[in-house]
């Protein structure tokens, strides 16, 4: 049994949260959960993340990684090779597309393929204008004496 939530009442009393509501609506619409290829998401630092995907049998040329705004898309398409007749095929080589929703200000730093593991390094970089800043309280410092304009001096 599946419950669907109506976010319409929240739209009336909030401003600027459209993206959050869209993410929640998209999460509800997921029909079947595709578990291939398996992946891990690891937080490696305060603002650093790594996605590791098991893509055994895929080469660098078979994989495509793109970042479109706040979505990271990883696609795999393996070229068909006729190397004889398969009696059993247990190594998955089917095409896939995996999407990851990224938060604002998250960008891909690096991607590498080693021993069948695709590692994608991500970093969240918050702009200076959005970082917390310390505000000094100016009441405790003595103020300089105000500047005065001298009247014109007449020379005799």
N, C-alpha and C. Protein backbone atom coordinates (compact mmCIF):
# COMPACT_ATOMS: atom_id res chain seq x y z
N UNK A 1 0.84 -1.17 0.00
CA UNK A 1 0.00 0.00 0.00
C UNK A 1 0.89 1.24 0.00
N UNK A 2 0.49 2.21 -0.78
CA UNK A 2 1.32 3.38 -0.96
C UNK A 2 0.53 4.63 -0.60
N UNK A 3 1.12 5.49 0.22
CA UNK A 3 0.47 6.75 0.59
C UNK A 3 1.05 7.87 -0.24
N UNK A 4 0.19 8.72 -0.75
CA UNK A 4 0.62 9.90 -1.50
C UNK A 4 0.29 11.12 -0.65
N UNK A 5 1.24 11.99 -0.49
CA UNK A 5 1.04 13.19 0.29
C UNK A 5 0.74 14.36 -0.63
N UNK A 6 -0.14 15.23 -0.18
CA UNK A 6 -0.49 16.43 -0.93
C UNK A 6 0.24 17.60 -0.29
N UNK A 7 1.16 18.22 -1.04
CA UNK A 7 1.95 19.33 -0.52
C UNK A 7 1.33 20.69 -0.83
N UNK A 8 0.14 20.70 -1.43
CA UNK A 8 -0.50 21.97 -1.82
C UNK A 8 -0.66 22.94 -0.65
N UNK A 9 -1.07 22.50 0.55
CA UNK A 9 -1.19 23.47 1.65
C UNK A 9 0.13 24.14 2.01
N UNK A 10 1.24 23.45 1.81
CA UNK A 10 2.53 24.04 2.13
C UNK A 10 2.94 25.11 1.13
N UNK A 11 2.47 24.98 -0.11
CA UNK A 11 2.78 25.99 -1.12
C UNK A 11 2.19 27.35 -0.75
N UNK A 12 1.05 27.34 -0.06
CA UNK A 12 0.38 28.59 0.28
C UNK A 12 1.12 29.37 1.35
N UNK A 13 1.87 28.71 2.21
CA UNK A 13 2.48 29.40 3.34
C UNK A 13 4.00 29.41 3.30
N UNK A 14 4.60 29.07 2.18
CA UNK A 14 6.06 29.07 2.10
C UNK A 14 6.50 29.70 0.79
N UNK A 15 7.65 30.31 0.84
CA UNK A 15 8.20 30.97 -0.34
C UNK A 15 9.62 30.46 -0.54
N UNK A 16 9.93 30.07 -1.76
CA UNK A 16 11.29 29.66 -2.09
C UNK A 16 11.61 28.20 -1.84
N UNK A 17 10.63 27.41 -1.44
CA UNK A 17 10.87 26.00 -1.16
C UNK A 17 10.38 25.10 -2.28
N UNK A 18 10.14 25.66 -3.46
CA UNK A 18 9.60 24.90 -4.58
C UNK A 18 10.45 23.68 -4.90
N UNK A 19 11.76 23.85 -4.87
CA UNK A 19 12.67 22.75 -5.21
C UNK A 19 12.52 21.60 -4.23
N UNK A 20 12.35 21.90 -2.95
CA UNK A 20 12.20 20.85 -1.95
C UNK A 20 10.92 20.06 -2.21
N UNK A 21 9.83 20.77 -2.50
CA UNK A 21 8.57 20.08 -2.76
C UNK A 21 8.65 19.25 -4.03
N UNK A 22 9.35 19.75 -5.04
CA UNK A 22 9.52 18.98 -6.27
C UNK A 22 10.31 17.70 -6.01
N UNK A 23 11.35 17.79 -5.18
CA UNK A 23 12.13 16.60 -4.83
C UNK A 23 11.25 15.57 -4.12
N UNK A 24 10.42 16.03 -3.20
CA UNK A 24 9.54 15.12 -2.47
C UNK A 24 8.52 14.48 -3.41
N UNK A 25 7.98 15.26 -4.33
CA UNK A 25 7.03 14.71 -5.30
C UNK A 25 7.70 13.68 -6.20
N UNK A 26 8.93 13.97 -6.65
CA UNK A 26 9.65 13.03 -7.51
C UNK A 26 9.95 11.73 -6.76
N UNK A 27 10.27 11.83 -5.50
CA UNK A 27 10.57 10.62 -4.71
C UNK A 27 9.33 9.75 -4.58
N UNK A 28 8.16 10.36 -4.52
CA UNK A 28 6.93 9.58 -4.41
C UNK A 28 6.61 8.85 -5.70
N UNK A 29 7.03 9.41 -6.83
CA UNK A 29 6.67 8.84 -8.13
C UNK A 29 7.54 7.66 -8.54
N UNK A 30 8.57 7.37 -7.79
CA UNK A 30 9.44 6.25 -8.17
C UNK A 30 8.64 4.95 -8.10
N UNK A 31 8.49 4.30 -9.22
CA UNK A 31 7.70 3.07 -9.27
C UNK A 31 8.54 1.87 -8.82
N UNK A 32 9.46 1.48 -9.66
CA UNK A 32 10.29 0.32 -9.35
C UNK A 32 11.69 0.80 -8.98
N UNK A 33 12.23 0.21 -7.97
CA UNK A 33 13.57 0.58 -7.55
C UNK A 33 14.55 -0.34 -8.26
N UNK A 34 15.38 0.27 -9.09
CA UNK A 34 16.38 -0.48 -9.84
C UNK A 34 17.64 -0.55 -8.98
N UNK A 35 18.11 -1.75 -8.71
CA UNK A 35 19.26 -1.91 -7.83
C UNK A 35 20.55 -2.19 -8.59
N UNK A 36 20.53 -2.03 -9.92
CA UNK A 36 21.74 -2.30 -10.68
C UNK A 36 22.18 -1.07 -11.42
N UNK A 37 23.41 -0.72 -11.43
CA UNK A 37 24.52 -1.32 -10.71
C UNK A 37 24.52 -0.89 -9.25
N UNK A 38 25.05 -1.74 -8.38
CA UNK A 38 25.09 -1.37 -6.97
C UNK A 38 26.04 -0.20 -6.75
N UNK A 39 25.74 0.62 -5.75
CA UNK A 39 26.56 1.80 -5.49
C UNK A 39 26.58 2.11 -4.00
N UNK A 40 27.59 2.86 -3.59
CA UNK A 40 27.71 3.38 -2.23
C UNK A 40 27.86 4.89 -2.31
N UNK A 41 27.35 5.58 -1.30
CA UNK A 41 27.58 7.01 -1.16
C UNK A 41 28.27 7.19 0.18
N UNK A 42 29.47 7.79 0.15
CA UNK A 42 30.31 7.92 1.33
C UNK A 42 30.58 9.39 1.59
N UNK A 43 30.42 9.82 2.84
CA UNK A 43 30.80 11.18 3.22
C UNK A 43 32.23 11.11 3.73
N UNK A 44 33.16 11.72 2.99
CA UNK A 44 34.58 11.61 3.30
C UNK A 44 35.12 12.80 4.08
N UNK A 45 34.35 13.84 4.21
CA UNK A 45 34.74 15.03 4.95
C UNK A 45 33.52 15.87 5.22
N UNK A 46 33.74 17.05 5.81
CA UNK A 46 32.60 17.91 6.13
C UNK A 46 31.83 18.32 4.88
N UNK A 47 32.54 18.59 3.78
CA UNK A 47 31.90 19.00 2.53
C UNK A 47 32.31 18.12 1.35
N UNK A 48 32.82 16.92 1.63
CA UNK A 48 33.30 16.03 0.58
C UNK A 48 32.52 14.71 0.60
N UNK A 49 32.20 14.24 -0.61
CA UNK A 49 31.44 13.00 -0.76
C UNK A 49 32.05 12.17 -1.88
N UNK A 50 31.76 10.86 -1.86
CA UNK A 50 32.20 9.97 -2.92
C UNK A 50 31.08 9.00 -3.25
N UNK A 51 30.82 8.85 -4.54
CA UNK A 51 29.90 7.83 -5.02
C UNK A 51 30.74 6.74 -5.65
N UNK A 52 30.56 5.50 -5.23
CA UNK A 52 31.28 4.36 -5.80
C UNK A 52 30.26 3.41 -6.41
N UNK A 53 30.47 3.10 -7.69
CA UNK A 53 29.56 2.19 -8.40
C UNK A 53 30.34 0.99 -8.90
N UNK A 54 29.76 -0.20 -8.72
CA UNK A 54 30.38 -1.43 -9.20
C UNK A 54 29.96 -1.62 -10.66
N UNK A 55 30.89 -1.38 -11.58
CA UNK A 55 30.60 -1.47 -13.01
C UNK A 55 31.58 -2.43 -13.68
N UNK A 56 31.64 -3.65 -13.16
CA UNK A 56 32.57 -4.64 -13.69
C UNK A 56 32.30 -4.89 -15.16
N UNK A 57 33.36 -4.93 -15.95
CA UNK A 57 33.24 -5.20 -17.39
C UNK A 57 33.08 -3.96 -18.24
N UNK A 58 32.87 -2.80 -17.64
CA UNK A 58 32.75 -1.55 -18.39
C UNK A 58 34.10 -0.85 -18.44
N UNK A 59 34.43 -0.30 -19.59
CA UNK A 59 35.66 0.47 -19.76
C UNK A 59 35.33 1.96 -19.66
N UNK A 60 36.37 2.79 -19.62
CA UNK A 60 36.17 4.25 -19.56
C UNK A 60 35.29 4.73 -20.70
N UNK A 61 35.51 4.20 -21.88
CA UNK A 61 34.77 4.64 -23.06
C UNK A 61 33.30 4.22 -23.02
N UNK A 62 32.96 3.24 -22.20
CA UNK A 62 31.58 2.75 -22.10
C UNK A 62 30.73 3.57 -21.14
N UNK A 63 31.37 4.45 -20.35
CA UNK A 63 30.67 5.20 -19.31
C UNK A 63 30.60 6.68 -19.68
N UNK A 64 29.51 7.31 -19.29
CA UNK A 64 29.30 8.73 -19.54
C UNK A 64 28.77 9.37 -18.26
N UNK A 65 29.46 10.40 -17.77
CA UNK A 65 29.05 11.09 -16.55
C UNK A 65 28.79 12.55 -16.90
N UNK A 66 27.58 13.04 -16.59
CA UNK A 66 27.24 14.43 -16.84
C UNK A 66 26.56 15.02 -15.62
N UNK A 67 26.79 16.32 -15.42
CA UNK A 67 26.12 17.05 -14.35
C UNK A 67 25.30 18.16 -14.99
N UNK A 68 23.99 18.11 -14.79
CA UNK A 68 23.07 19.11 -15.29
C UNK A 68 22.42 19.78 -14.10
N UNK A 69 22.82 21.01 -13.83
CA UNK A 69 22.33 21.76 -12.68
C UNK A 69 22.50 20.93 -11.41
N UNK A 70 21.43 20.42 -10.84
CA UNK A 70 21.53 19.68 -9.58
C UNK A 70 21.29 18.19 -9.75
N UNK A 71 21.57 17.67 -10.94
CA UNK A 71 21.39 16.24 -11.19
C UNK A 71 22.68 15.68 -11.79
N UNK A 72 23.17 14.62 -11.20
CA UNK A 72 24.32 13.90 -11.73
C UNK A 72 23.79 12.65 -12.42
N UNK A 73 24.14 12.47 -13.69
CA UNK A 73 23.66 11.34 -14.47
C UNK A 73 24.85 10.47 -14.86
N UNK A 74 24.79 9.19 -14.51
CA UNK A 74 25.83 8.23 -14.89
C UNK A 74 25.17 7.22 -15.81
N UNK A 75 25.71 7.11 -17.03
CA UNK A 75 25.18 6.18 -18.02
C UNK A 75 26.26 5.18 -18.41
N UNK A 76 25.83 3.97 -18.65
CA UNK A 76 26.73 2.93 -19.13
C UNK A 76 26.13 2.21 -20.32
N UNK A 77 26.87 2.12 -21.40
CA UNK A 77 26.42 1.43 -22.62
C UNK A 77 27.60 0.64 -23.15
N UNK A 78 27.50 -0.66 -23.06
CA UNK A 78 28.60 -1.52 -23.49
C UNK A 78 28.35 -1.98 -24.92
N UNK A 79 29.38 -1.88 -25.74
CA UNK A 79 29.28 -2.33 -27.13
C UNK A 79 29.18 -3.86 -27.16
N UNK A 80 28.29 -4.37 -27.98
CA UNK A 80 28.12 -5.82 -28.10
C UNK A 80 29.34 -6.43 -28.81
N UNK A 81 29.85 -7.48 -28.22
CA UNK A 81 30.99 -8.17 -28.81
C UNK A 81 30.61 -9.64 -29.00
N UNK A 82 30.85 -10.12 -30.17
CA UNK A 82 30.60 -11.54 -30.46
C UNK A 82 31.92 -12.29 -30.32
N UNK A 83 32.07 -12.92 -29.18
CA UNK A 83 33.29 -13.69 -28.93
C UNK A 83 32.99 -15.16 -28.79
N UNK A 84 31.97 -15.60 -29.43
CA UNK A 84 31.58 -17.00 -29.30
C UNK A 84 30.18 -17.10 -28.75
N UNK A 85 29.79 -18.31 -28.51
CA UNK A 85 28.45 -18.57 -28.01
C UNK A 85 28.49 -18.72 -26.50
N UNK A 86 27.67 -17.91 -25.81
CA UNK A 86 27.61 -17.97 -24.35
C UNK A 86 26.76 -19.16 -23.93
N UNK A 87 27.29 -20.00 -23.06
CA UNK A 87 26.52 -21.08 -22.47
C UNK A 87 25.86 -20.60 -21.17
N UNK A 88 26.52 -19.67 -20.51
CA UNK A 88 25.96 -19.01 -19.32
C UNK A 88 26.51 -17.59 -19.27
N UNK A 89 25.64 -16.63 -19.05
CA UNK A 89 26.08 -15.24 -18.97
C UNK A 89 25.66 -14.70 -17.60
N UNK A 90 26.61 -14.63 -16.68
CA UNK A 90 26.34 -14.18 -15.32
C UNK A 90 26.85 -12.78 -15.02
N UNK A 91 27.76 -12.28 -15.86
CA UNK A 91 28.29 -10.93 -15.65
C UNK A 91 27.38 -9.97 -16.39
N UNK A 92 26.73 -9.11 -15.62
CA UNK A 92 25.78 -8.17 -16.22
C UNK A 92 26.53 -7.14 -17.04
N UNK A 93 26.08 -6.93 -18.22
CA UNK A 93 26.68 -5.94 -19.10
C UNK A 93 25.62 -5.07 -19.75
N UNK A 94 24.43 -5.04 -19.15
CA UNK A 94 23.33 -4.30 -19.76
C UNK A 94 23.52 -2.80 -19.55
N UNK A 95 22.89 -2.05 -20.40
CA UNK A 95 22.96 -0.59 -20.31
C UNK A 95 22.24 -0.12 -19.05
N UNK A 96 22.70 0.98 -18.51
CA UNK A 96 22.06 1.53 -17.32
C UNK A 96 22.14 3.05 -17.34
N UNK A 97 21.28 3.66 -16.56
CA UNK A 97 21.31 5.10 -16.31
C UNK A 97 20.92 5.32 -14.87
N UNK A 98 21.80 5.92 -14.12
CA UNK A 98 21.57 6.18 -12.69
C UNK A 98 21.61 7.69 -12.48
N UNK A 99 20.61 8.22 -11.79
CA UNK A 99 20.52 9.66 -11.52
C UNK A 99 20.66 9.91 -10.02
N UNK A 100 21.41 10.95 -9.68
CA UNK A 100 21.59 11.37 -8.30
C UNK A 100 21.20 12.84 -8.19
N UNK A 101 20.31 13.16 -7.28
CA UNK A 101 19.95 14.55 -7.02
C UNK A 101 21.03 15.16 -6.14
N UNK A 102 21.56 16.29 -6.57
CA UNK A 102 22.62 16.97 -5.83
C UNK A 102 22.06 18.22 -5.17
N UNK A 103 22.58 18.53 -4.00
CA UNK A 103 22.19 19.77 -3.32
C UNK A 103 22.80 20.96 -4.05
N UNK A 104 22.32 22.14 -3.73
CA UNK A 104 22.89 23.34 -4.32
C UNK A 104 24.36 23.45 -3.96
N UNK A 105 25.15 23.93 -4.87
CA UNK A 105 26.59 24.20 -4.70
C UNK A 105 27.43 22.93 -4.57
N UNK A 106 26.92 21.79 -5.02
CA UNK A 106 27.72 20.56 -5.05
C UNK A 106 28.18 20.36 -6.49
N UNK A 107 29.48 20.12 -6.65
CA UNK A 107 30.04 19.91 -7.99
C UNK A 107 30.92 18.68 -8.00
N UNK A 108 31.07 18.12 -9.20
CA UNK A 108 31.91 16.94 -9.38
C UNK A 108 33.36 17.40 -9.48
N UNK A 109 34.23 16.82 -8.67
CA UNK A 109 35.65 17.17 -8.69
C UNK A 109 36.44 16.24 -9.60
N UNK A 110 36.14 14.94 -9.53
CA UNK A 110 36.97 13.95 -10.22
C UNK A 110 36.18 12.66 -10.38
N UNK A 111 36.55 11.89 -11.38
CA UNK A 111 35.97 10.55 -11.56
C UNK A 111 37.08 9.61 -12.02
N UNK A 112 37.07 8.40 -11.50
CA UNK A 112 38.09 7.42 -11.89
C UNK A 112 37.48 6.03 -11.88
N UNK A 113 38.05 5.16 -12.72
CA UNK A 113 37.61 3.77 -12.82
C UNK A 113 38.80 2.88 -12.50
N UNK A 114 38.70 2.15 -11.40
CA UNK A 114 39.79 1.27 -10.97
C UNK A 114 39.21 -0.06 -10.50
N UNK A 115 39.71 -1.14 -11.09
CA UNK A 115 39.30 -2.50 -10.70
C UNK A 115 37.78 -2.67 -10.70
N UNK A 116 37.10 -2.12 -11.68
CA UNK A 116 35.67 -2.30 -11.80
C UNK A 116 34.83 -1.40 -10.91
N UNK A 117 35.47 -0.47 -10.17
CA UNK A 117 34.76 0.47 -9.32
C UNK A 117 34.88 1.87 -9.90
N UNK A 118 33.76 2.49 -10.20
CA UNK A 118 33.74 3.87 -10.66
C UNK A 118 33.60 4.75 -9.43
N UNK A 119 34.58 5.63 -9.20
CA UNK A 119 34.54 6.54 -8.06
C UNK A 119 34.36 7.96 -8.56
N UNK A 120 33.35 8.63 -8.03
CA UNK A 120 33.06 10.01 -8.39
C UNK A 120 33.19 10.86 -7.14
N UNK A 121 34.13 11.79 -7.16
CA UNK A 121 34.39 12.66 -6.01
C UNK A 121 33.54 13.93 -6.15
N UNK A 122 32.82 14.28 -5.09
CA UNK A 122 31.96 15.45 -5.07
C UNK A 122 32.39 16.39 -3.96
N UNK A 123 32.18 17.67 -4.18
CA UNK A 123 32.53 18.67 -3.17
C UNK A 123 31.43 19.72 -3.11
N UNK A 124 31.04 20.07 -1.90
CA UNK A 124 30.08 21.15 -1.69
C UNK A 124 30.87 22.41 -1.38
N UNK A 125 30.70 23.42 -2.22
CA UNK A 125 31.40 24.70 -2.04
C UNK A 125 30.37 25.79 -1.83
N UNK A 126 30.27 26.25 -0.61
CA UNK A 126 29.30 27.29 -0.29
C UNK A 126 29.94 28.64 -0.62
N UNK A 127 29.25 29.48 -1.39
CA UNK A 127 29.80 30.79 -1.72
C UNK A 127 30.03 31.64 -0.47
N UNK A 128 31.01 32.53 -0.55
CA UNK A 128 31.35 33.38 0.59
C UNK A 128 30.15 34.16 1.10
N UNK A 129 29.31 34.62 0.19
CA UNK A 129 28.15 35.42 0.58
C UNK A 129 27.17 34.63 1.43
N UNK A 130 27.19 33.29 1.31
CA UNK A 130 26.24 32.46 2.06
C UNK A 130 26.83 31.87 3.33
N UNK A 131 28.14 32.01 3.53
CA UNK A 131 28.77 31.48 4.74
C UNK A 131 28.47 32.38 5.93
N UNK A 132 28.40 31.79 7.13
CA UNK A 132 28.19 32.63 8.30
C UNK A 132 29.39 33.55 8.51
N UNK A 133 29.12 34.75 8.96
CA UNK A 133 30.23 35.68 9.22
C UNK A 133 30.03 36.32 10.57
N UNK A 134 31.12 36.66 11.20
CA UNK A 134 31.10 37.25 12.54
C UNK A 134 30.88 38.74 12.40
N UNK A 135 29.98 39.27 13.17
CA UNK A 135 29.67 40.68 13.17
C UNK A 135 30.24 41.29 14.44
N UNK A 136 31.13 42.26 14.26
CA UNK A 136 31.72 42.93 15.42
C UNK A 136 30.74 43.95 15.96
N UNK A 137 30.71 44.04 17.28
CA UNK A 137 29.84 45.01 17.93
C UNK A 137 30.67 46.27 18.13
N UNK A 138 30.23 47.37 17.58
CA UNK A 138 31.03 48.59 17.58
C UNK A 138 30.83 49.49 18.77
N UNK A 139 29.96 49.21 19.72
CA UNK A 139 29.69 50.10 20.85
C UNK A 139 30.80 50.13 21.87
N UNK A 140 31.70 49.17 21.90
CA UNK A 140 32.72 49.11 22.94
C UNK A 140 33.97 49.90 22.60
N UNK A 141 34.12 50.36 21.38
CA UNK A 141 35.31 51.11 20.99
C UNK A 141 35.00 52.60 21.07
N UNK A 142 35.97 53.37 21.57
CA UNK A 142 35.73 54.82 21.64
C UNK A 142 35.68 55.40 20.23
N UNK A 143 34.78 56.34 20.05
CA UNK A 143 34.65 56.95 18.74
C UNK A 143 35.63 58.10 18.62
N UNK A 144 36.13 58.30 17.42
CA UNK A 144 37.05 59.41 17.17
C UNK A 144 36.27 60.72 17.26
N UNK A 145 36.99 61.79 17.60
CA UNK A 145 36.32 63.09 17.70
C UNK A 145 35.89 63.51 16.31
N UNK A 146 34.71 64.08 16.20
CA UNK A 146 34.22 64.47 14.88
C UNK A 146 35.09 65.57 14.28
N UNK A 147 35.21 65.54 13.00
CA UNK A 147 35.97 66.57 12.30
C UNK A 147 35.18 67.87 12.28
N UNK A 148 35.91 68.98 12.47
CA UNK A 148 35.27 70.28 12.44
C UNK A 148 35.85 71.10 11.32
N UNK A 149 35.02 71.90 10.74
CA UNK A 149 35.47 72.78 9.68
C UNK A 149 35.77 74.13 10.32
N UNK A 150 37.00 74.57 10.14
CA UNK A 150 37.37 75.87 10.70
C UNK A 150 36.81 76.97 9.81
N UNK A 151 36.39 78.03 10.46
CA UNK A 151 35.90 79.18 9.72
C UNK A 151 37.06 79.82 8.99
N UNK A 152 36.76 80.54 7.92
CA UNK A 152 37.83 81.18 7.18
C UNK A 152 38.56 82.17 8.07
N UNK A 153 39.87 82.09 8.01
CA UNK A 153 40.68 83.02 8.80
C UNK A 153 41.02 84.20 7.90
N UNK A 154 40.82 85.34 8.46
CA UNK A 154 41.16 86.54 7.69
C UNK A 154 42.55 87.01 8.13
N UNK A 155 43.34 87.30 7.15
CA UNK A 155 44.70 87.75 7.43
C UNK A 155 44.68 89.27 7.34
N UNK A 156 45.28 89.91 8.34
CA UNK A 156 45.28 91.37 8.35
C UNK A 156 46.33 91.97 7.52
